[in-house]
Amino acid sequence: MKIALMDSGTGLLAAAAAVRRLRPDADLVISSDPDGMPWGPRPPHDIAAHALAVARAAAAHRPDALIVACNTASVHALPALRAELEPGLPVIGTVPAIKPAAATGGPVAIWATPATTGSPYQRDLIEQFASGVEVTGVPCPGLADAVETADEAAIDAAVAAAAARTPRDVRTVVLGCTHYELVAERIRAALQQPGAPALVLLGSAEAVAAQALRRIGADPAPSAAPTGTVTVLLSGRPGRLPEAALAYDEGRLLSGAAQAGEPARH
């Protein structure tokens, strides 16, 4: 079994680690675009072009499924990716967890990039799944970039700034960018009010990992032997996990099997 994941950068680590935990025996192909990132400021047609290039590089390794582990690419490139790759290669997009967040009753905050906050895409999801629930969109300028480079001071500053824009009575927070899941506990620490019920943070990594397995008819097997390999592609070139990835638990989980695009060594 082989599952590919794509993103502009290290935001895919959360979903890759989730797949790894569900199926330690699955081979992973991690395809990112350091030459072209960040994708967020690019116009939609340019995002789609970069996403297609990264997806083609991954598809050349003949995976059983491709996870688009990027909210920006899922918004702007998912139709193009599916048109080119399906039905031969199932493509699983990433959608912010607004529906399960609304089921908690709110109040809900959606942390996302400035481009996504207030976008028609996010407004449509709120109208579709969270009508009648108090929802606050919280733009998080600089947070994804800080996570990408593992800049500790910049992460703390961006999280603090976003926390200051988040209503104090919020009980559920949607992490609307895959990068944010790598610093979820820092976000929790910044938002948790003393004496209040435990804050609920909802990302997408676990859901997309489970969906990828369902699409290929595979069951979770978390106790399987950790024989899966990790192949790393950097703008189409074989490479290694970036040093910044090792700042996160998810990156360290994958690093033992990622050997410059070669099979894991045990």
C-alpha atoms as a PDB file:
ATOM      1  CA  MET A   1       0.000   0.000   0.000  1.00  0.00           C
ATOM      2  CA  LYS A   2       1.310   3.424  -0.950  1.00  0.00           C
ATOM      3  CA  ILE A   3      -0.253   6.793  -0.135  1.00  0.00           C
ATOM      4  CA  ALA A   4       0.995  10.115  -1.467  1.00  0.00           C
ATOM      5  CA  LEU A   5       0.533  13.511   0.164  1.00  0.00           C
ATOM      6  CA  MET A   6       1.090  16.929  -1.361  1.00  0.00           C
ATOM      7  CA  ASP A   7       1.369  20.505  -0.090  1.00  0.00           C
ATOM      8  CA  SER A   8       3.463  23.570  -0.787  1.00  0.00           C
ATOM      9  CA  GLY A   9       5.528  22.846   2.332  1.00  0.00           C
ATOM     10  CA  THR A  10       5.496  21.108   5.703  1.00  0.00           C
ATOM     11  CA  GLY A  11       1.767  21.476   6.325  1.00  0.00           C
ATOM     12  CA  LEU A  12       1.412  17.922   5.017  1.00  0.00           C
ATOM     13  CA  LEU A  13       3.297  16.534   8.012  1.00  0.00           C
ATOM     14  CA  ALA A  14       0.176  16.313  10.184  1.00  0.00           C
ATOM     15  CA  ALA A  15      -1.742  14.206   7.669  1.00  0.00           C
ATOM     16  CA  ALA A  16       1.332  12.111   6.827  1.00  0.00           C
ATOM     17  CA  ALA A  17       1.839  11.338  10.515  1.00  0.00           C
ATOM     18  CA  ALA A  18      -1.852  10.479  10.848  1.00  0.00           C
ATOM     19  CA  VAL A  19      -1.547   7.976   7.992  1.00  0.00           C
ATOM     20  CA  ARG A  20       1.617   6.620   9.564  1.00  0.00           C
ATOM     21  CA  ARG A  21      -0.162   6.054  12.869  1.00  0.00           C
ATOM     22  CA  LEU A  22      -3.135   4.329  11.209  1.00  0.00           C
ATOM     23  CA  ARG A  23      -0.984   2.177   8.913  1.00  0.00           C
ATOM     24  CA  PRO A  24       2.671   1.955   9.976  1.00  0.00           C
ATOM     25  CA  ASP A  25       3.172  -0.523   7.140  1.00  0.00           C
ATOM     26  CA  ALA A  26       2.066   1.896   4.392  1.00  0.00           C
ATOM     27  CA  ASP A  27       4.655   3.470   2.108  1.00  0.00           C
ATOM     28  CA  LEU A  28       4.351   7.263   1.922  1.00  0.00           C
ATOM     29  CA  VAL A  29       5.283   9.683  -0.853  1.00  0.00           C
ATOM     30  CA  ILE A  30       5.624  13.250   0.440  1.00  0.00           C
ATOM     31  CA  SER A  31       5.600  15.808  -2.382  1.00  0.00           C
ATOM     32  CA  SER A  32       6.092  19.524  -1.636  1.00  0.00           C
ATOM     33  CA  ASP A  33       7.118  22.637  -3.552  1.00  0.00           C
ATOM     34  CA  PRO A  34       9.905  24.584  -1.829  1.00  0.00           C
ATOM     35  CA  ASP A  35      10.752  26.289  -5.130  1.00  0.00           C
ATOM     36  CA  GLY A  36       7.244  27.690  -5.502  1.00  0.00           C
ATOM     37  CA  MET A  37       6.011  28.292  -1.973  1.00  0.00           C
ATOM     38  CA  PRO A  38       4.101  30.017  -0.547  1.00  0.00           C
ATOM     39  CA  TRP A  39       1.087  29.236  -2.700  1.00  0.00           C
ATOM     40  CA  GLY A  40      -1.379  31.431  -0.809  1.00  0.00           C
ATOM     41  CA  PRO A  41      -0.471  34.783  -2.431  1.00  0.00           C
ATOM     42  CA  ARG A  42      -0.544  33.335  -5.956  1.00  0.00           C
ATOM     43  CA  PRO A  43      -3.591  33.763  -8.232  1.00  0.00           C
ATOM     44  CA  PRO A  44      -5.855  30.709  -8.423  1.00  0.00           C
ATOM     45  CA  HIS A  45      -4.672  29.566 -11.870  1.00  0.00           C
ATOM     46  CA  ASP A  46      -1.053  29.701 -10.677  1.00  0.00           C
ATOM     47  CA  ILE A  47      -1.863  27.733  -7.526  1.00  0.00           C
ATOM     48  CA  ALA A  48      -3.511  25.088  -9.702  1.00  0.00           C
ATOM     49  CA  ALA A  49      -0.464  24.896 -11.961  1.00  0.00           C
ATOM     50  CA  HIS A  50       1.930  24.408  -9.050  1.00  0.00           C
ATOM     51  CA  ALA A  51      -0.381  21.894  -7.408  1.00  0.00           C
ATOM     52  CA  LEU A  52      -0.626  19.886 -10.628  1.00  0.00           C
ATOM     53  CA  ALA A  53       3.164  19.785 -10.954  1.00  0.00           C
ATOM     54  CA  VAL A  54       3.567  18.553  -7.382  1.00  0.00           C
ATOM     55  CA  ALA A  55       0.766  16.005  -7.840  1.00  0.00           C
ATOM     56  CA  ARG A  56       2.274  14.676 -11.079  1.00  0.00           C
ATOM     57  CA  ALA A  57       5.605  14.152  -9.341  1.00  0.00           C
ATOM     58  CA  ALA A  58       3.846  12.128  -6.651  1.00  0.00           C
ATOM     59  CA  ALA A  59       1.683  10.226  -9.142  1.00  0.00           C
ATOM     60  CA  ALA A  60       4.808   9.063 -10.992  1.00  0.00           C
ATOM     61  CA  HIS A  61       5.508   6.873  -7.944  1.00  0.00           C
ATOM     62  CA  ARG A  62       2.203   5.051  -8.558  1.00  0.00           C
ATOM     63  CA  PRO A  63       0.501   5.556  -5.186  1.00  0.00           C
ATOM     64  CA  ASP A  64      -2.893   4.081  -4.404  1.00  0.00           C
ATOM     65  CA  ALA A  65      -4.293   7.452  -3.259  1.00  0.00           C
ATOM     66  CA  LEU A  66      -3.260  11.122  -3.158  1.00  0.00           C
ATOM     67  CA  ILE A  67      -4.066  13.382  -0.206  1.00  0.00           C
ATOM     68  CA  VAL A  68      -4.137  17.098  -0.979  1.00  0.00           C
ATOM     69  CA  ALA A  69      -2.931  18.090   2.487  1.00  0.00           C
ATOM     70  CA  CYS A  70      -3.364  21.801   1.889  1.00  0.00           C
ATOM     71  CA  ASN A  71      -6.430  23.974   2.325  1.00  0.00           C
ATOM     72  CA  THR A  72      -5.302  26.477  -0.334  1.00  0.00           C
ATOM     73  CA  ALA A  73      -4.719  23.782  -2.953  1.00  0.00           C
ATOM     74  CA  SER A  74      -7.998  22.079  -2.065  1.00  0.00           C
ATOM     75  CA  VAL A  75      -9.863  25.352  -2.673  1.00  0.00           C
ATOM     76  CA  HIS A  76      -8.197  26.316  -5.937  1.00  0.00           C
ATOM     77  CA  ALA A  77      -6.852  23.121  -7.507  1.00  0.00           C
ATOM     78  CA  LEU A  78      -8.966  20.147  -6.433  1.00  0.00           C
ATOM     79  CA  PRO A  79     -11.195  20.111  -9.543  1.00  0.00           C
ATOM     80  CA  ALA A  80      -8.143  20.249 -11.835  1.00  0.00           C
ATOM     81  CA  LEU A  81      -6.370  17.525  -9.873  1.00  0.00           C
ATOM     82  CA  ARG A  82      -9.377  15.231  -9.970  1.00  0.00           C
ATOM     83  CA  ALA A  83      -9.985  15.899 -13.649  1.00  0.00           C
ATOM     84  CA  GLU A  84      -6.452  14.798 -14.487  1.00  0.00           C
ATOM     85  CA  LEU A  85      -5.839  11.971 -12.011  1.00  0.00           C
ATOM     86  CA  GLU A  86      -9.170  10.301 -11.240  1.00  0.00           C
ATOM     87  CA  PRO A  87     -10.537   7.694 -11.472  1.00  0.00           C
ATOM     88  CA  GLY A  88      -7.169   5.966 -11.742  1.00  0.00           C
ATOM     89  CA  LEU A  89      -5.827   7.741  -8.647  1.00  0.00           C
ATOM     90  CA  PRO A  90      -8.272   8.711  -5.875  1.00  0.00           C
ATOM     91  CA  VAL A  91      -7.703  12.333  -4.778  1.00  0.00           C
ATOM     92  CA  ILE A  92      -8.702  13.320  -1.240  1.00  0.00           C
ATOM     93  CA  GLY A  93      -9.001  17.041  -0.498  1.00  0.00           C
ATOM     94  CA  THR A  94      -8.764  18.862   2.814  1.00  0.00           C
ATOM     95  CA  VAL A  95     -11.841  20.681   4.125  1.00  0.00           C
ATOM     96  CA  PRO A  96     -11.820  22.729   7.357  1.00  0.00           C
ATOM     97  CA  ALA A  97     -13.648  20.901  10.144  1.00  0.00           C
ATOM     98  CA  ILE A  98     -16.504  23.419  10.272  1.00  0.00           C
ATOM     99  CA  LYS A  99     -19.269  20.812  10.249  1.00  0.00           C
ATOM    100  CA  PRO A 100     -18.096  18.908  13.371  1.00  0.00           C
ATOM    101  CA  ALA A 101     -17.262  22.224  15.027  1.00  0.00           C
ATOM    102  CA  ALA A 102     -20.816  23.459  14.520  1.00  0.00           C
ATOM    103  CA  ALA A 103     -22.126  20.223  16.043  1.00  0.00           C
ATOM    104  CA  THR A 104     -20.581  21.294  19.362  1.00  0.00           C
ATOM    105  CA  GLY A 105     -23.026  24.207  19.488  1.00  0.00           C
ATOM    106  CA  GLY A 106     -20.425  26.953  19.550  1.00  0.00           C
ATOM    107  CA  PRO A 107     -19.231  29.566  19.943  1.00  0.00           C
ATOM    108  CA  VAL A 108     -16.721  28.597  17.227  1.00  0.00           C
ATOM    109  CA  ALA A 109     -13.608  30.323  15.917  1.00  0.00           C
ATOM    110  CA  ILE A 110     -11.977  29.443  12.603  1.00  0.00           C
ATOM    111  CA  TRP A 111      -8.265  30.173  12.521  1.00  0.00           C
ATOM    112  CA  ALA A 112      -7.129  30.469   8.908  1.00  0.00           C
ATOM    113  CA  THR A 113      -4.814  32.401   6.633  1.00  0.00           C
ATOM    114  CA  PRO A 114      -5.874  35.974   5.819  1.00  0.00           C
ATOM    115  CA  ALA A 115      -6.687  34.916   2.242  1.00  0.00           C
ATOM    116  CA  THR A 116      -9.023  32.161   3.430  1.00  0.00           C
ATOM    117  CA  THR A 117     -10.700  34.121   6.232  1.00  0.00           C
ATOM    118  CA  GLY A 118     -13.712  35.850   4.734  1.00  0.00           C
ATOM    119  CA  SER A 119     -13.297  34.072   1.402  1.00  0.00           C
ATOM    120  CA  PRO A 120     -16.406  32.895  -0.477  1.00  0.00           C
ATOM    121  CA  TYR A 121     -15.208  29.326   0.120  1.00  0.00           C
ATOM    122  CA  GLN A 122     -15.174  29.719   3.899  1.00  0.00           C
ATOM    123  CA  ARG A 123     -18.420  31.722   3.926  1.00  0.00           C
ATOM    124  CA  ASP A 124     -20.133  28.968   1.947  1.00  0.00           C
ATOM    125  CA  LEU A 125     -18.950  26.292   4.391  1.00  0.00           C
ATOM    126  CA  ILE A 126     -20.227  28.338   7.330  1.00  0.00           C
ATOM    127  CA  GLU A 127     -23.598  28.905   5.650  1.00  0.00           C
ATOM    128  CA  GLN A 128     -23.873  25.232   4.734  1.00  0.00           C
ATOM    129  CA  PHE A 129     -22.805  23.647   8.019  1.00  0.00           C
ATOM    130  CA  ALA A 130     -22.915  26.281  10.762  1.00  0.00           C
ATOM    131  CA  SER A 131     -25.984  28.432  10.214  1.00  0.00           C
ATOM    132  CA  GLY A 132     -27.391  29.414  13.581  1.00  0.00           C
ATOM    133  CA  VAL A 133     -24.029  28.908  15.320  1.00  0.00           C
ATOM    134  CA  GLU A 134     -21.903  31.834  16.455  1.00  0.00           C
ATOM    135  CA  VAL A 135     -18.785  31.667  14.270  1.00  0.00           C
ATOM    136  CA  THR A 136     -15.837  34.057  14.248  1.00  0.00           C
ATOM    137  CA  GLY A 137     -13.259  34.030  11.486  1.00  0.00           C
ATOM    138  CA  VAL A 138      -9.787  34.745  12.864  1.00  0.00           C
ATOM    139  CA  PRO A 139      -7.086  35.662  10.336  1.00  0.00           C
ATOM    140  CA  CYS A 140      -3.621  34.485  11.349  1.00  0.00           C
ATOM    141  CA  PRO A 141      -1.084  36.511   9.337  1.00  0.00           C
ATOM    142  CA  GLY A 142       2.400  35.047   9.416  1.00  0.00           C
ATOM    143  CA  LEU A 143       1.543  31.889  11.331  1.00  0.00           C
ATOM    144  CA  ALA A 144       1.860  29.420   8.453  1.00  0.00           C
ATOM    145  CA  ASP A 145       5.172  30.979   7.384  1.00  0.00           C
ATOM    146  CA  ALA A 146       6.485  30.840  10.949  1.00  0.00           C
ATOM    147  CA  VAL A 147       5.495  27.178  11.274  1.00  0.00           C
ATOM    148  CA  GLU A 148       7.096  26.397   7.920  1.00  0.00           C
ATOM    149  CA  THR A 149      10.459  27.719   9.092  1.00  0.00           C
ATOM    150  CA  ALA A 150      10.021  26.534  12.715  1.00  0.00           C
ATOM    151  CA  ASP A 151      10.726  30.093  13.882  1.00  0.00           C
ATOM    152  CA  GLU A 152       9.842  29.787  17.562  1.00  0.00           C
ATOM    153  CA  ALA A 153       9.588  33.509  18.291  1.00  0.00           C
ATOM    154  CA  ALA A 154       7.517  34.189  15.173  1.00  0.00           C
ATOM    155  CA  ILE A 155       5.183  31.293  16.002  1.00  0.00           C
ATOM    156  CA  ASP A 156       4.628  32.621  19.515  1.00  0.00           C
ATOM    157  CA  ALA A 157       4.005  36.153  18.210  1.00  0.00           C
ATOM    158  CA  ALA A 158       1.554  35.026  15.505  1.00  0.00           C
ATOM    159  CA  VAL A 159      -0.336  32.748  17.894  1.00  0.00           C
ATOM    160  CA  ALA A 160      -0.574  35.517  20.513  1.00  0.00           C
ATOM    161  CA  ALA A 161      -1.851  38.012  17.944  1.00  0.00           C
ATOM    162  CA  ALA A 162      -4.505  35.597  16.674  1.00  0.00           C
ATOM    163  CA  ALA A 163      -5.498  34.672  20.228  1.00  0.00           C
ATOM    164  CA  ALA A 164      -6.074  38.366  20.966  1.00  0.00           C
ATOM    165  CA  ARG A 165      -8.549  38.462  18.049  1.00  0.00           C
ATOM    166  CA  THR A 166     -10.416  35.372  19.287  1.00  0.00           C
ATOM    167  CA  PRO A 167     -13.483  35.897  21.498  1.00  0.00           C
ATOM    168  CA  ARG A 168     -12.846  34.724  25.026  1.00  0.00           C
ATOM    169  CA  ASP A 169     -16.027  32.638  25.150  1.00  0.00           C
ATOM    170  CA  VAL A 170     -15.038  30.436  22.201  1.00  0.00           C
ATOM    171  CA  ARG A 171     -15.135  26.744  23.081  1.00  0.00           C
ATOM    172  CA  THR A 172     -14.227  25.178  19.737  1.00  0.00           C
ATOM    173  CA  VAL A 173     -11.488  26.245  17.324  1.00  0.00           C
ATOM    174  CA  VAL A 174     -11.199  25.008  13.752  1.00  0.00           C
ATOM    175  CA  LEU A 175      -7.603  24.872  12.524  1.00  0.00           C
ATOM    176  CA  GLY A 176      -8.237  25.991   8.949  1.00  0.00           C
ATOM    177  CA  CYS A 177      -4.672  25.612   7.695  1.00  0.00           C
ATOM    178  CA  THR A 178      -2.790  22.334   7.814  1.00  0.00           C
ATOM    179  CA  HIS A 179       0.327  24.075   9.155  1.00  0.00           C
ATOM    180  CA  TYR A 180      -1.548  25.093  12.302  1.00  0.00           C
ATOM    181  CA  GLU A 181      -2.044  21.487  13.372  1.00  0.00           C
ATOM    182  CA  LEU A 182       1.706  21.233  13.986  1.00  0.00           C
ATOM    183  CA  VAL A 183       1.426  23.833  16.773  1.00  0.00           C
ATOM    184  CA  ALA A 184      -2.001  22.869  18.082  1.00  0.00           C
ATOM    185  CA  GLU A 185      -0.917  22.666  21.702  1.00  0.00           C
ATOM    186  CA  ARG A 186       0.604  26.152  21.568  1.00  0.00           C
ATOM    187  CA  ILE A 187      -2.703  27.425  20.216  1.00  0.00           C
ATOM    188  CA  ARG A 188      -4.565  25.630  22.985  1.00  0.00           C
ATOM    189  CA  ALA A 189      -2.301  27.120  25.642  1.00  0.00           C
ATOM    190  CA  ALA A 190      -2.845  30.615  24.262  1.00  0.00           C
ATOM    191  CA  LEU A 191      -6.640  30.295  24.198  1.00  0.00           C
ATOM    192  CA  GLN A 192      -7.577  28.143  27.185  1.00  0.00           C
ATOM    193  CA  GLN A 193      -9.272  30.288  29.818  1.00  0.00           C
ATOM    194  CA  PRO A 194      -8.633  29.391  33.487  1.00  0.00           C
ATOM    195  CA  GLY A 195     -11.553  27.475  34.944  1.00  0.00           C
ATOM    196  CA  ALA A 196     -13.281  27.105  31.573  1.00  0.00           C
ATOM    197  CA  PRO A 197     -14.092  23.725  29.998  1.00  0.00           C
ATOM    198  CA  ALA A 198     -11.292  22.218  27.947  1.00  0.00           C
ATOM    199  CA  LEU A 199     -11.038  23.902  24.563  1.00  0.00           C
ATOM    200  CA  VAL A 200     -11.809  21.698  21.546  1.00  0.00           C
ATOM    201  CA  LEU A 201      -9.376  22.015  18.628  1.00  0.00           C
ATOM    202  CA  LEU A 202     -10.435  20.463  15.323  1.00  0.00           C
ATOM    203  CA  GLY A 203      -8.014  19.835  12.482  1.00  0.00           C
ATOM    204  CA  SER A 204      -8.335  17.778   9.326  1.00  0.00           C
ATOM    205  CA  ALA A 205      -5.382  15.380   9.448  1.00  0.00           C
ATOM    206  CA  GLU A 206      -7.087  12.418  11.088  1.00  0.00           C
ATOM    207  CA  ALA A 207     -10.165  12.729   8.880  1.00  0.00           C
ATOM    208  CA  VAL A 208      -8.276  12.867   5.573  1.00  0.00           C
ATOM    209  CA  ALA A 209      -6.035   9.968   6.609  1.00  0.00           C
ATOM    210  CA  ALA A 210      -9.077   7.828   7.432  1.00  0.00           C
ATOM    211  CA  GLN A 211     -10.795   8.895   4.198  1.00  0.00           C
ATOM    212  CA  ALA A 212      -7.745   7.905   2.139  1.00  0.00           C
ATOM    213  CA  LEU A 213      -7.854   4.406   3.617  1.00  0.00           C
ATOM    214  CA  ARG A 214     -11.586   4.134   2.947  1.00  0.00           C
ATOM    215  CA  ARG A 215     -11.136   5.215  -0.675  1.00  0.00           C
ATOM    216  CA  ILE A 216      -8.702   2.365  -1.319  1.00  0.00           C
ATOM    217  CA  GLY A 217     -10.615  -0.193   0.733  1.00  0.00           C
ATOM    218  CA  ALA A 218      -8.013  -0.530   3.487  1.00  0.00           C
ATOM    219  CA  ASP A 219      -8.704  -0.848   7.193  1.00  0.00           C
ATOM    220  CA  PRO A 220      -6.728   0.913   9.913  1.00  0.00           C
ATOM    221  CA  ALA A 221      -4.059  -1.340  11.419  1.00  0.00           C
ATOM    222  CA  PRO A 222      -2.176   0.772  13.947  1.00  0.00           C
ATOM    223  CA  SER A 223      -0.442  -2.276  15.407  1.00  0.00           C
ATOM    224  CA  ALA A 224       1.051  -3.317  12.051  1.00  0.00           C
ATOM    225  CA  ALA A 225       4.821  -3.575  11.846  1.00  0.00           C
ATOM    226  CA  PRO A 226       6.413  -0.188  11.020  1.00  0.00           C
ATOM    227  CA  THR A 227       7.801  -1.341   7.683  1.00  0.00           C
ATOM    228  CA  GLY A 228       6.482   1.571   5.614  1.00  0.00           C
ATOM    229  CA  THR A 229       8.965   3.708   3.691  1.00  0.00           C
ATOM    230  CA  VAL A 230       8.897   7.470   3.145  1.00  0.00           C
ATOM    231  CA  THR A 231       9.884   9.017  -0.172  1.00  0.00           C
ATOM    232  CA  VAL A 232      10.453  12.792  -0.145  1.00  0.00           C
ATOM    233  CA  LEU A 233      10.040  14.903  -3.283  1.00  0.00           C
ATOM    234  CA  LEU A 234      11.032  18.575  -3.286  1.00  0.00           C
ATOM    235  CA  SER A 235       9.571  20.359  -6.332  1.00  0.00           C
ATOM    236  CA  GLY A 236       9.802  17.009  -8.091  1.00  0.00           C
ATOM    237  CA  ARG A 237      13.359  16.183  -7.005  1.00  0.00           C
ATOM    238  CA  PRO A 238      14.242  13.371  -4.586  1.00  0.00           C
ATOM    239  CA  GLY A 239      15.271  14.910  -1.294  1.00  0.00           C
ATOM    240  CA  ARG A 240      15.117  14.758   2.469  1.00  0.00           C
ATOM    241  CA  LEU A 241      12.709  16.121   5.014  1.00  0.00           C
ATOM    242  CA  PRO A 242      13.627  19.779   5.667  1.00  0.00           C
ATOM    243  CA  GLU A 243      15.484  20.417   8.889  1.00  0.00           C
ATOM    244  CA  ALA A 244      12.580  22.548  10.099  1.00  0.00           C
ATOM    245  CA  ALA A 245      10.284  19.513   9.884  1.00  0.00           C
ATOM    246  CA  LEU A 246      12.244  17.847  12.668  1.00  0.00           C
ATOM    247  CA  ALA A 247      11.132  20.587  15.066  1.00  0.00           C
ATOM    248  CA  TYR A 248       7.733  18.865  15.216  1.00  0.00           C
ATOM    249  CA  ASP A 249       6.660  15.505  16.605  1.00  0.00           C
ATOM    250  CA  GLU A 250       5.090  14.659  13.248  1.00  0.00           C
ATOM    251  CA  GLY A 251       8.322  15.287  11.378  1.00  0.00           C
ATOM    252  CA  ARG A 252      10.349  13.224  13.830  1.00  0.00           C
ATOM    253  CA  LEU A 253       7.850  10.368  13.507  1.00  0.00           C
ATOM    254  CA  LEU A 254       8.474  10.276   9.756  1.00  0.00           C
ATOM    255  CA  SER A 255      12.188  11.046   9.735  1.00  0.00           C
ATOM    256  CA  GLY A 256      13.387   7.558  10.579  1.00  0.00           C
ATOM    257  CA  ALA A 257      11.892   6.190   7.381  1.00  0.00           C
ATOM    258  CA  ALA A 258      12.723   9.151   5.134  1.00  0.00           C
ATOM    259  CA  GLN A 259      16.111   8.587   3.564  1.00  0.00           C
ATOM    260  CA  ALA A 260      16.382  10.918   0.582  1.00  0.00           C
ATOM    261  CA  GLY A 261      13.638   9.138  -1.278  1.00  0.00           C
ATOM    262  CA  GLU A 262      15.020   5.688  -0.475  1.00  0.00           C
ATOM    263  CA  PRO A 263      13.326   2.903   1.502  1.00  0.00           C
ATOM    264  CA  ALA A 264      13.425   3.123   5.257  1.00  0.00           C
ATOM    265  CA  ARG A 265      16.339   1.491   7.001  1.00  0.00           C
ATOM    266  CA  HIS A 266      15.567  -0.477  10.127  1.00  0.00           C
END
